[in-house]
């Protein structure tokens, strides 16, 4: 009734149905919230393997989200800038983000002309840049924040990395046992029938 060929086709179908779907994971590389004097520093964005804690995932796309802003202008008008310098080798372009306003800040502006994107959980609000090379690897960002005009309660900013990835396919042992047991039963039935 069942030939070896049909058993092999059935097992190939079951194996091909074990395909992992794409998913998204985010991680904040660093953030600052400082008084009106400004600040500078370096952050590291973790690799996909570090964030997941397991190797083998395939990166489908990767982007960074960055922005700076201020809260509560004390002495107005306010002009606050942050320079973001991205590690070379990842296809990212350095940018200068400027925020101005009075008591409340206006929408931040990218020197490169990038569009400011509102929050779309789990991705934070900010400017998006796609990582075009070295995807999945850790990289560094240096920032320098300055409140040039006026004073504020706090200058704030952050960088987030967003990975869209396909997890490594590793079926659980129980699935293998069920598939193997089913194939053995079919083989025994076919052998008994042919005898």
N, C-alpha and C. Protein backbone atom coordinates (compact mmCIF):
# COMPACT_ATOMS: atom_id res chain seq x y z
N UNK A 1 0.82 -1.19 0.00
CA UNK A 1 0.00 0.00 0.00
C UNK A 1 0.87 1.26 0.00
N UNK A 2 1.82 1.35 0.92
CA UNK A 2 2.72 2.50 0.96
C UNK A 2 4.09 2.05 0.50
N UNK A 3 4.59 2.68 -0.52
CA UNK A 3 5.94 2.36 -0.98
C UNK A 3 6.94 3.20 -0.21
N UNK A 4 8.21 2.82 -0.29
CA UNK A 4 9.26 3.59 0.36
C UNK A 4 9.30 5.01 -0.20
N UNK A 5 9.02 5.14 -1.49
CA UNK A 5 8.99 6.45 -2.14
C UNK A 5 7.93 7.35 -1.50
N UNK A 6 6.72 6.82 -1.27
CA UNK A 6 5.67 7.63 -0.66
C UNK A 6 6.01 7.99 0.78
N UNK A 7 6.69 7.08 1.50
CA UNK A 7 7.12 7.40 2.87
C UNK A 7 8.14 8.53 2.87
N UNK A 8 9.07 8.50 1.93
CA UNK A 8 10.06 9.57 1.84
C UNK A 8 9.42 10.90 1.46
N UNK A 9 8.46 10.87 0.56
CA UNK A 9 7.74 12.10 0.19
C UNK A 9 6.98 12.67 1.38
N UNK A 10 6.36 11.80 2.16
CA UNK A 10 5.61 12.25 3.33
C UNK A 10 6.55 12.88 4.35
N UNK A 11 7.71 12.28 4.57
CA UNK A 11 8.65 12.84 5.55
C UNK A 11 9.23 14.16 5.04
N UNK A 12 9.46 14.28 3.73
CA UNK A 12 9.95 15.54 3.16
C UNK A 12 8.91 16.65 3.33
N UNK A 13 7.63 16.32 3.16
CA UNK A 13 6.57 17.30 3.35
C UNK A 13 6.53 17.78 4.80
N UNK A 14 6.63 16.85 5.74
CA UNK A 14 6.59 17.21 7.16
C UNK A 14 7.80 18.09 7.49
N UNK A 15 8.98 17.73 7.00
CA UNK A 15 10.18 18.52 7.27
C UNK A 15 10.08 19.92 6.67
N UNK A 16 9.52 20.04 5.48
CA UNK A 16 9.41 21.36 4.85
C UNK A 16 8.36 22.23 5.52
N UNK A 17 7.45 21.65 6.26
CA UNK A 17 6.44 22.45 6.95
C UNK A 17 6.97 23.05 8.24
N UNK A 18 8.18 22.69 8.64
CA UNK A 18 8.78 23.22 9.85
C UNK A 18 9.58 24.47 9.53
N UNK A 19 9.00 25.48 8.93
CA UNK A 19 9.67 26.71 8.56
C UNK A 19 9.32 27.78 9.59
N UNK A 20 10.35 28.46 10.09
CA UNK A 20 10.12 29.50 11.09
C UNK A 20 9.64 30.78 10.41
N UNK A 21 8.77 31.51 11.07
CA UNK A 21 8.28 32.76 10.51
C UNK A 21 9.16 33.91 11.00
N UNK A 22 9.15 35.01 10.25
CA UNK A 22 9.96 36.18 10.60
C UNK A 22 9.36 36.88 11.81
N UNK A 23 10.23 37.48 12.60
CA UNK A 23 9.79 38.20 13.78
C UNK A 23 10.70 39.40 14.00
N UNK A 24 10.34 40.27 14.95
CA UNK A 24 11.09 41.49 15.22
C UNK A 24 11.53 41.53 16.67
N UNK A 25 12.75 42.00 16.88
CA UNK A 25 13.25 42.22 18.23
C UNK A 25 13.94 43.59 18.24
N UNK A 26 13.79 44.32 19.34
CA UNK A 26 14.40 45.64 19.47
C UNK A 26 15.26 45.69 20.73
N UNK A 27 16.22 46.59 20.73
CA UNK A 27 17.08 46.78 21.89
C UNK A 27 17.56 48.23 21.90
N UNK A 28 17.46 48.88 23.04
CA UNK A 28 17.96 50.25 23.16
C UNK A 28 19.46 50.18 23.38
N UNK A 29 20.21 50.85 22.49
CA UNK A 29 21.67 50.85 22.56
C UNK A 29 22.16 51.77 23.67
N UNK A 30 21.44 52.86 23.89
CA UNK A 30 21.81 53.80 24.93
C UNK A 30 20.86 54.99 24.92
N UNK A 31 20.87 55.72 26.03
CA UNK A 31 20.03 56.92 26.12
C UNK A 31 20.69 57.92 27.06
N UNK A 32 20.29 59.17 26.92
CA UNK A 32 20.77 60.19 27.85
C UNK A 32 19.61 61.08 28.27
N UNK A 33 19.72 61.59 29.47
CA UNK A 33 18.80 62.58 30.00
C UNK A 33 19.64 63.42 30.96
N UNK A 34 19.95 64.62 30.56
CA UNK A 34 20.89 65.42 31.31
C UNK A 34 20.39 66.86 31.44
N UNK A 35 20.95 67.58 32.42
CA UNK A 35 20.60 68.99 32.55
C UNK A 35 21.04 69.79 31.33
N UNK A 36 20.77 71.05 31.35
CA UNK A 36 20.91 71.91 30.17
C UNK A 36 22.33 72.03 29.62
N UNK A 37 23.32 71.53 30.30
CA UNK A 37 24.70 71.72 29.83
C UNK A 37 25.06 70.81 28.66
N UNK A 38 24.31 69.74 28.41
CA UNK A 38 24.62 68.80 27.33
C UNK A 38 25.50 67.67 27.82
N UNK A 39 25.76 66.71 26.93
CA UNK A 39 26.60 65.57 27.30
C UNK A 39 27.12 64.90 26.03
N UNK A 40 28.05 63.97 26.21
CA UNK A 40 28.57 63.18 25.11
C UNK A 40 28.96 61.81 25.62
N UNK A 41 29.08 60.86 24.71
CA UNK A 41 29.46 59.52 25.10
C UNK A 41 29.38 58.56 23.94
N UNK A 42 29.59 57.28 24.23
CA UNK A 42 29.54 56.23 23.23
C UNK A 42 28.64 55.11 23.73
N UNK A 43 27.81 54.60 22.84
CA UNK A 43 26.95 53.46 23.15
C UNK A 43 27.30 52.31 22.22
N UNK A 44 26.96 51.12 22.63
CA UNK A 44 27.16 49.94 21.79
C UNK A 44 25.81 49.28 21.54
N UNK A 45 25.51 49.01 20.26
CA UNK A 45 24.32 48.26 19.90
C UNK A 45 24.71 46.79 19.85
N UNK A 46 23.98 45.95 20.57
CA UNK A 46 24.30 44.53 20.64
C UNK A 46 24.00 43.79 19.34
N UNK A 47 24.73 42.70 19.13
CA UNK A 47 24.47 41.84 17.98
C UNK A 47 23.15 41.11 18.19
N UNK A 48 22.58 40.58 17.11
CA UNK A 48 21.34 39.83 17.20
C UNK A 48 21.51 38.60 18.09
N UNK A 49 22.65 37.90 17.96
CA UNK A 49 22.90 36.71 18.76
C UNK A 49 22.94 37.06 20.24
N UNK A 50 23.54 38.21 20.60
CA UNK A 50 23.60 38.64 22.01
C UNK A 50 22.20 38.95 22.54
N UNK A 51 21.39 39.63 21.74
CA UNK A 51 20.04 39.99 22.18
C UNK A 51 19.18 38.75 22.38
N UNK A 52 19.26 37.80 21.42
CA UNK A 52 18.42 36.60 21.50
C UNK A 52 18.97 35.59 22.49
N UNK A 53 20.29 35.58 22.67
CA UNK A 53 20.90 34.61 23.56
C UNK A 53 21.12 33.25 22.91
N UNK A 54 20.82 33.13 21.63
CA UNK A 54 21.03 31.88 20.89
C UNK A 54 21.51 32.22 19.49
N UNK A 55 22.41 31.40 18.92
CA UNK A 55 22.89 31.66 17.57
C UNK A 55 21.97 31.06 16.51
N UNK A 56 22.26 31.38 15.26
CA UNK A 56 21.60 30.72 14.14
C UNK A 56 20.47 31.48 13.47
N UNK A 57 20.04 32.62 14.03
CA UNK A 57 18.96 33.38 13.40
C UNK A 57 19.49 34.08 12.15
N UNK A 58 18.62 34.26 11.17
CA UNK A 58 18.97 34.94 9.93
C UNK A 58 18.38 36.35 9.94
N UNK A 59 19.23 37.36 9.72
CA UNK A 59 18.77 38.75 9.69
C UNK A 59 18.13 39.02 8.34
N UNK A 60 16.85 39.42 8.35
CA UNK A 60 16.16 39.81 7.12
C UNK A 60 16.37 41.29 6.83
N UNK A 61 16.33 42.11 7.88
CA UNK A 61 16.62 43.54 7.76
C UNK A 61 16.97 44.07 9.14
N UNK A 62 17.67 45.19 9.14
CA UNK A 62 18.08 45.81 10.39
C UNK A 62 18.06 47.31 10.20
N UNK A 63 17.58 48.03 11.22
CA UNK A 63 17.60 49.49 11.15
C UNK A 63 17.89 50.04 12.53
N UNK A 64 18.31 51.30 12.54
CA UNK A 64 18.48 52.00 13.80
C UNK A 64 17.47 53.13 13.85
N UNK A 65 17.10 53.46 15.06
CA UNK A 65 16.18 54.57 15.33
C UNK A 65 16.92 55.49 16.29
N UNK A 66 16.97 56.77 15.99
CA UNK A 66 17.67 57.72 16.86
C UNK A 66 16.94 59.05 16.88
N UNK A 67 17.09 59.77 18.00
CA UNK A 67 16.47 61.08 18.13
C UNK A 67 17.04 61.77 19.37
N UNK A 68 16.92 63.08 19.40
CA UNK A 68 17.16 63.85 20.62
C UNK A 68 16.09 64.92 20.72
N UNK A 69 15.88 65.40 21.92
CA UNK A 69 14.78 66.34 22.19
C UNK A 69 15.10 67.03 23.51
N UNK A 70 14.24 67.91 23.94
CA UNK A 70 14.37 68.47 25.28
C UNK A 70 12.99 68.54 25.91
N UNK A 71 12.99 68.65 27.23
CA UNK A 71 11.72 68.83 27.94
C UNK A 71 11.78 70.13 28.74
N UNK A 72 10.69 70.84 28.71
CA UNK A 72 10.49 72.05 29.51
C UNK A 72 11.59 73.10 29.33
N UNK A 73 11.44 73.91 28.29
CA UNK A 73 12.34 75.04 28.11
C UNK A 73 12.16 76.02 29.26
N UNK A 74 13.26 76.34 29.94
CA UNK A 74 13.20 77.24 31.10
C UNK A 74 13.44 78.68 30.64
N UNK A 75 14.53 78.87 29.93
CA UNK A 75 14.86 80.17 29.35
C UNK A 75 14.73 79.99 27.84
N UNK A 76 13.82 80.75 27.23
CA UNK A 76 13.50 80.50 25.82
C UNK A 76 13.90 81.70 24.95
N UNK A 77 14.07 81.52 23.64
CA UNK A 77 13.86 80.29 22.88
C UNK A 77 15.00 79.30 23.10
N UNK A 78 14.73 78.02 22.78
CA UNK A 78 15.70 76.95 22.98
C UNK A 78 16.12 76.38 21.63
N UNK A 79 17.42 76.08 21.52
CA UNK A 79 17.95 75.34 20.37
C UNK A 79 18.89 74.28 20.93
N UNK A 80 18.56 73.02 20.66
CA UNK A 80 19.34 71.89 21.17
C UNK A 80 19.75 71.03 20.00
N UNK A 81 21.04 70.61 19.94
CA UNK A 81 21.51 69.77 18.84
C UNK A 81 22.23 68.53 19.39
N UNK A 82 22.14 67.46 18.64
CA UNK A 82 22.89 66.24 18.97
C UNK A 82 23.50 65.70 17.68
N UNK A 83 24.79 65.48 17.71
CA UNK A 83 25.49 64.85 16.60
C UNK A 83 25.57 63.36 16.90
N UNK A 84 25.12 62.53 15.94
CA UNK A 84 25.21 61.08 16.06
C UNK A 84 26.25 60.61 15.04
N UNK A 85 27.31 59.97 15.53
CA UNK A 85 28.37 59.45 14.67
C UNK A 85 28.33 57.93 14.77
N UNK A 86 28.06 57.29 13.64
CA UNK A 86 27.90 55.83 13.59
C UNK A 86 29.20 55.16 13.14
N UNK A 87 29.51 54.04 13.75
CA UNK A 87 30.72 53.28 13.39
C UNK A 87 30.69 52.96 11.90
N UNK A 88 31.84 53.12 11.25
CA UNK A 88 31.90 52.84 9.81
C UNK A 88 31.79 51.34 9.55
N UNK A 89 31.41 51.00 8.32
CA UNK A 89 31.30 49.60 7.93
C UNK A 89 29.89 49.05 8.00
N UNK A 90 28.91 49.88 8.35
CA UNK A 90 27.54 49.41 8.48
C UNK A 90 26.59 50.15 7.53
N UNK A 91 27.12 51.05 6.71
CA UNK A 91 26.30 51.77 5.73
C UNK A 91 25.44 52.86 6.35
N UNK A 92 25.79 53.30 7.55
CA UNK A 92 25.02 54.35 8.22
C UNK A 92 25.68 55.70 8.00
N UNK A 93 24.86 56.75 7.90
CA UNK A 93 25.36 58.10 7.65
C UNK A 93 25.22 58.93 8.93
N UNK A 94 26.31 59.60 9.33
CA UNK A 94 26.27 60.44 10.52
C UNK A 94 25.21 61.53 10.35
N UNK A 95 24.61 61.95 11.46
CA UNK A 95 23.52 62.92 11.36
C UNK A 95 23.58 63.91 12.51
N UNK A 96 23.01 65.07 12.30
CA UNK A 96 22.86 66.12 13.29
C UNK A 96 21.37 66.36 13.48
N UNK A 97 20.89 66.14 14.69
CA UNK A 97 19.47 66.33 14.99
C UNK A 97 19.32 67.63 15.78
N UNK A 98 18.42 68.51 15.31
CA UNK A 98 18.18 69.80 15.95
C UNK A 98 16.74 69.87 16.43
N UNK A 99 16.59 70.36 17.65
CA UNK A 99 15.25 70.59 18.20
C UNK A 99 15.21 72.03 18.72
N UNK A 100 14.16 72.74 18.37
CA UNK A 100 14.02 74.11 18.84
C UNK A 100 12.60 74.33 19.34
N UNK A 101 12.40 75.43 20.00
CA UNK A 101 11.07 75.76 20.49
C UNK A 101 11.14 76.70 21.67
N UNK A 102 10.06 76.71 22.42
CA UNK A 102 10.00 77.56 23.60
C UNK A 102 9.85 76.65 24.82
N UNK A 103 8.74 76.79 25.56
CA UNK A 103 8.51 75.92 26.71
C UNK A 103 8.40 74.46 26.29
N UNK A 104 7.76 74.22 25.14
CA UNK A 104 7.66 72.88 24.56
C UNK A 104 8.49 72.83 23.28
N UNK A 105 9.06 71.68 23.02
CA UNK A 105 9.89 71.55 21.82
C UNK A 105 9.03 71.29 20.59
N UNK A 106 9.55 71.70 19.44
CA UNK A 106 8.94 71.36 18.17
C UNK A 106 9.44 69.98 17.76
N UNK A 107 8.94 69.43 16.65
CA UNK A 107 9.40 68.13 16.15
C UNK A 107 10.87 68.22 15.79
N UNK A 108 11.69 67.25 16.22
CA UNK A 108 13.11 67.26 15.87
C UNK A 108 13.31 67.24 14.35
N UNK A 109 14.43 67.81 13.90
CA UNK A 109 14.74 67.89 12.48
C UNK A 109 16.09 67.23 12.23
N UNK A 110 16.15 66.37 11.21
CA UNK A 110 17.38 65.69 10.81
C UNK A 110 18.11 66.54 9.77
N UNK A 111 19.42 66.76 9.96
CA UNK A 111 20.22 67.50 8.99
C UNK A 111 20.20 66.80 7.63
N UNK A 112 20.10 65.46 7.64
CA UNK A 112 20.07 64.69 6.40
C UNK A 112 18.72 64.72 5.71
N UNK A 113 17.72 65.31 6.37
CA UNK A 113 16.39 65.40 5.78
C UNK A 113 15.53 64.16 6.00
N UNK A 114 15.95 63.25 6.92
CA UNK A 114 15.14 62.07 7.19
C UNK A 114 13.81 62.48 7.80
N UNK A 115 12.80 61.67 7.58
CA UNK A 115 11.47 61.92 8.13
C UNK A 115 11.41 61.43 9.58
N UNK A 116 10.83 62.25 10.43
CA UNK A 116 10.60 61.86 11.83
C UNK A 116 9.42 60.90 11.86
N UNK A 117 9.62 59.72 12.44
CA UNK A 117 8.58 58.68 12.51
C UNK A 117 8.04 58.58 13.93
N UNK A 118 6.72 58.58 14.06
CA UNK A 118 6.09 58.44 15.37
C UNK A 118 6.26 57.01 15.87
N UNK A 119 6.01 56.80 17.14
CA UNK A 119 6.15 55.48 17.76
C UNK A 119 5.22 54.48 17.10
N UNK A 120 5.76 53.31 16.78
CA UNK A 120 4.99 52.17 16.26
C UNK A 120 5.52 50.94 16.99
N UNK A 121 5.02 50.72 18.21
CA UNK A 121 5.55 49.67 19.10
C UNK A 121 5.81 48.38 18.34
N UNK A 122 6.93 47.73 18.57
CA UNK A 122 7.92 48.00 19.62
C UNK A 122 9.00 48.99 19.21
N UNK A 123 8.87 49.62 18.05
CA UNK A 123 9.87 50.57 17.57
C UNK A 123 9.57 51.95 18.16
N UNK A 124 10.61 52.61 18.67
CA UNK A 124 10.46 53.93 19.27
C UNK A 124 10.33 55.00 18.19
N UNK A 125 9.92 56.19 18.59
CA UNK A 125 9.83 57.32 17.66
C UNK A 125 11.23 57.83 17.35
N UNK A 126 11.40 58.34 16.14
CA UNK A 126 12.70 58.91 15.78
C UNK A 126 12.96 58.83 14.29
N UNK A 127 14.24 58.99 13.95
CA UNK A 127 14.68 58.90 12.56
C UNK A 127 15.20 57.50 12.31
N UNK A 128 14.83 56.91 11.17
CA UNK A 128 15.22 55.54 10.84
C UNK A 128 16.30 55.55 9.78
N UNK A 129 17.30 54.68 9.98
CA UNK A 129 18.30 54.41 8.94
C UNK A 129 18.46 52.90 8.84
N UNK A 130 18.51 52.39 7.62
CA UNK A 130 18.72 50.96 7.42
C UNK A 130 20.21 50.63 7.49
N UNK A 131 20.53 49.55 8.19
CA UNK A 131 21.88 49.03 8.22
C UNK A 131 22.04 48.23 6.93
N UNK A 132 22.98 48.62 6.07
CA UNK A 132 23.09 47.99 4.76
C UNK A 132 24.25 47.02 4.65
N UNK A 133 25.16 47.01 5.60
CA UNK A 133 26.24 46.03 5.60
C UNK A 133 26.58 45.68 7.05
N UNK A 134 27.14 44.49 7.24
CA UNK A 134 27.48 44.06 8.59
C UNK A 134 26.27 43.75 9.44
N UNK A 135 25.14 43.44 8.80
CA UNK A 135 23.90 43.19 9.55
C UNK A 135 24.08 42.08 10.57
N UNK A 136 23.47 42.28 11.73
CA UNK A 136 23.50 41.29 12.79
C UNK A 136 24.66 41.44 13.75
N UNK A 137 25.63 42.30 13.42
CA UNK A 137 26.82 42.48 14.25
C UNK A 137 26.67 43.68 15.19
N UNK A 138 27.44 43.67 16.27
CA UNK A 138 27.45 44.79 17.21
C UNK A 138 28.18 45.98 16.57
N UNK A 139 27.77 47.19 16.94
CA UNK A 139 28.46 48.40 16.45
C UNK A 139 28.28 49.51 17.47
N UNK A 140 29.12 50.56 17.34
CA UNK A 140 29.13 51.67 18.29
C UNK A 140 28.58 52.95 17.68
N UNK A 141 28.04 53.79 18.56
CA UNK A 141 27.53 55.11 18.19
C UNK A 141 28.10 56.10 19.19
N UNK A 142 28.63 57.20 18.68
CA UNK A 142 29.10 58.28 19.54
C UNK A 142 28.11 59.45 19.39
N UNK A 143 27.79 60.09 20.50
CA UNK A 143 26.87 61.23 20.42
C UNK A 143 27.47 62.42 21.16
N UNK A 144 27.06 63.60 20.74
CA UNK A 144 27.45 64.84 21.41
C UNK A 144 26.23 65.75 21.42
N UNK A 145 25.70 66.01 22.60
CA UNK A 145 24.49 66.81 22.77
C UNK A 145 24.85 68.18 23.35
N UNK A 146 24.30 69.24 22.76
CA UNK A 146 24.59 70.61 23.21
C UNK A 146 23.29 71.40 23.19
N UNK A 147 23.03 72.10 24.28
CA UNK A 147 21.94 73.08 24.31
C UNK A 147 22.60 74.42 24.02
N UNK A 148 22.42 74.92 22.79
CA UNK A 148 23.13 76.10 22.34
C UNK A 148 22.48 77.41 22.73
N UNK A 149 21.16 77.44 22.77
CA UNK A 149 20.42 78.66 23.09
C UNK A 149 19.38 78.32 24.14
N UNK A 150 19.24 79.21 25.13
CA UNK A 150 18.25 78.99 26.18
C UNK A 150 18.72 77.94 27.18
N UNK A 151 17.79 77.51 28.02
CA UNK A 151 18.09 76.44 28.98
C UNK A 151 16.85 75.57 29.12
N UNK A 152 17.09 74.32 29.49
CA UNK A 152 16.00 73.34 29.57
C UNK A 152 16.09 72.56 30.87
N UNK A 153 14.98 71.94 31.23
CA UNK A 153 14.98 71.06 32.40
C UNK A 153 15.85 69.84 32.12
N UNK A 154 15.71 69.25 30.92
CA UNK A 154 16.53 68.09 30.54
C UNK A 154 16.59 67.97 29.03
N UNK A 155 17.78 67.61 28.53
CA UNK A 155 17.95 67.22 27.13
C UNK A 155 17.95 65.70 27.12
N UNK A 156 17.27 65.11 26.16
CA UNK A 156 17.13 63.65 26.12
C UNK A 156 17.44 63.12 24.72
N UNK A 157 17.78 61.84 24.65
CA UNK A 157 18.02 61.22 23.36
C UNK A 157 18.28 59.74 23.52
N UNK A 158 18.21 59.00 22.43
CA UNK A 158 18.46 57.56 22.47
C UNK A 158 18.74 57.03 21.07
N UNK A 159 19.25 55.80 21.04
CA UNK A 159 19.42 55.03 19.82
C UNK A 159 18.89 53.63 20.10
N UNK A 160 18.12 53.10 19.17
CA UNK A 160 17.54 51.76 19.28
C UNK A 160 17.89 50.98 18.01
N UNK A 161 18.20 49.70 18.16
CA UNK A 161 18.43 48.84 17.00
C UNK A 161 17.21 47.93 16.85
N UNK A 162 16.77 47.72 15.61
CA UNK A 162 15.59 46.91 15.31
C UNK A 162 16.00 45.82 14.32
N UNK A 163 15.85 44.58 14.73
CA UNK A 163 16.16 43.44 13.86
C UNK A 163 14.87 42.76 13.44
N UNK A 164 14.68 42.56 12.13
CA UNK A 164 13.65 41.66 11.61
C UNK A 164 14.42 40.41 11.21
N UNK A 165 14.06 39.27 11.78
CA UNK A 165 14.85 38.07 11.57
C UNK A 165 13.97 36.83 11.49
N UNK A 166 14.57 35.77 10.98
CA UNK A 166 13.94 34.45 10.96
C UNK A 166 14.72 33.58 11.93
N UNK A 167 14.04 33.01 12.93
CA UNK A 167 14.75 32.18 13.90
C UNK A 167 15.29 30.91 13.25
N UNK A 168 16.33 30.36 13.87
CA UNK A 168 16.86 29.09 13.41
C UNK A 168 15.78 28.02 13.61
N UNK A 169 15.63 27.14 12.63
CA UNK A 169 14.62 26.09 12.72
C UNK A 169 15.22 24.90 13.45
N UNK A 170 14.66 24.60 14.59
CA UNK A 170 15.11 23.45 15.38
C UNK A 170 13.89 22.83 16.03
N UNK A 171 13.29 21.85 15.36
CA UNK A 171 12.10 21.24 15.94
C UNK A 171 12.39 20.58 17.28
N UNK A 172 11.42 20.58 18.13
CA UNK A 172 11.61 19.99 19.44
C UNK A 172 11.75 18.46 19.32
N UNK A 173 12.41 17.82 20.28
CA UNK A 173 12.62 16.37 20.23
C UNK A 173 11.32 15.56 20.15
N UNK A 174 10.28 16.03 20.79
CA UNK A 174 9.01 15.29 20.76
C UNK A 174 8.45 15.22 19.34
N UNK A 175 8.63 16.29 18.56
CA UNK A 175 8.16 16.28 17.17
C UNK A 175 8.91 15.25 16.35
N UNK A 176 10.23 15.19 16.57
CA UNK A 176 11.01 14.18 15.87
C UNK A 176 10.57 12.78 16.26
N UNK A 177 10.30 12.56 17.53
CA UNK A 177 9.86 11.24 18.00
C UNK A 177 8.53 10.87 17.36
N UNK A 178 7.60 11.82 17.27
CA UNK A 178 6.30 11.53 16.68
C UNK A 178 6.44 11.23 15.18
N UNK A 179 7.25 11.99 14.49
CA UNK A 179 7.45 11.75 13.05
C UNK A 179 8.12 10.39 12.84
N UNK A 180 9.16 10.14 13.61
CA UNK A 180 9.87 8.86 13.49
C UNK A 180 8.98 7.68 13.81
N UNK A 181 8.19 7.80 14.89
CA UNK A 181 7.28 6.71 15.26
C UNK A 181 6.23 6.47 14.19
N UNK A 182 5.71 7.54 13.61
CA UNK A 182 4.71 7.40 12.55
C UNK A 182 5.29 6.74 11.31
N UNK A 183 6.52 7.12 10.94
CA UNK A 183 7.16 6.51 9.79
C UNK A 183 7.47 5.03 10.03
N UNK A 184 7.91 4.70 11.26
CA UNK A 184 8.16 3.29 11.58
C UNK A 184 6.87 2.47 11.52
N UNK A 185 5.79 3.03 12.02
CA UNK A 185 4.50 2.32 11.98
C UNK A 185 4.05 2.11 10.53
N UNK A 186 4.20 3.13 9.69
CA UNK A 186 3.84 2.98 8.28
C UNK A 186 4.71 1.94 7.59
N UNK A 187 6.02 1.95 7.90
CA UNK A 187 6.92 0.98 7.29
C UNK A 187 6.56 -0.44 7.74
N UNK A 188 6.24 -0.62 9.02
CA UNK A 188 5.87 -1.94 9.53
C UNK A 188 4.57 -2.41 8.90
N UNK A 189 3.61 -1.49 8.77
CA UNK A 189 2.33 -1.84 8.16
C UNK A 189 2.53 -2.25 6.70
N UNK A 190 3.36 -1.49 5.97
CA UNK A 190 3.61 -1.79 4.57
C UNK A 190 4.35 -3.12 4.42
N UNK A 191 5.30 -3.37 5.33
CA UNK A 191 6.05 -4.63 5.27
C UNK A 191 5.15 -5.82 5.56
N UNK A 192 4.27 -5.69 6.55
CA UNK A 192 3.35 -6.76 6.92
C UNK A 192 2.38 -7.04 5.76
N UNK A 193 1.95 -5.98 5.12
CA UNK A 193 1.00 -6.11 4.02
C UNK A 193 1.64 -6.81 2.81
N UNK A 194 2.91 -6.55 2.56
CA UNK A 194 3.61 -7.16 1.43
C UNK A 194 4.02 -8.60 1.72
N UNK A 195 4.05 -9.00 2.98
CA UNK A 195 4.49 -10.35 3.34
C UNK A 195 3.45 -11.42 3.07
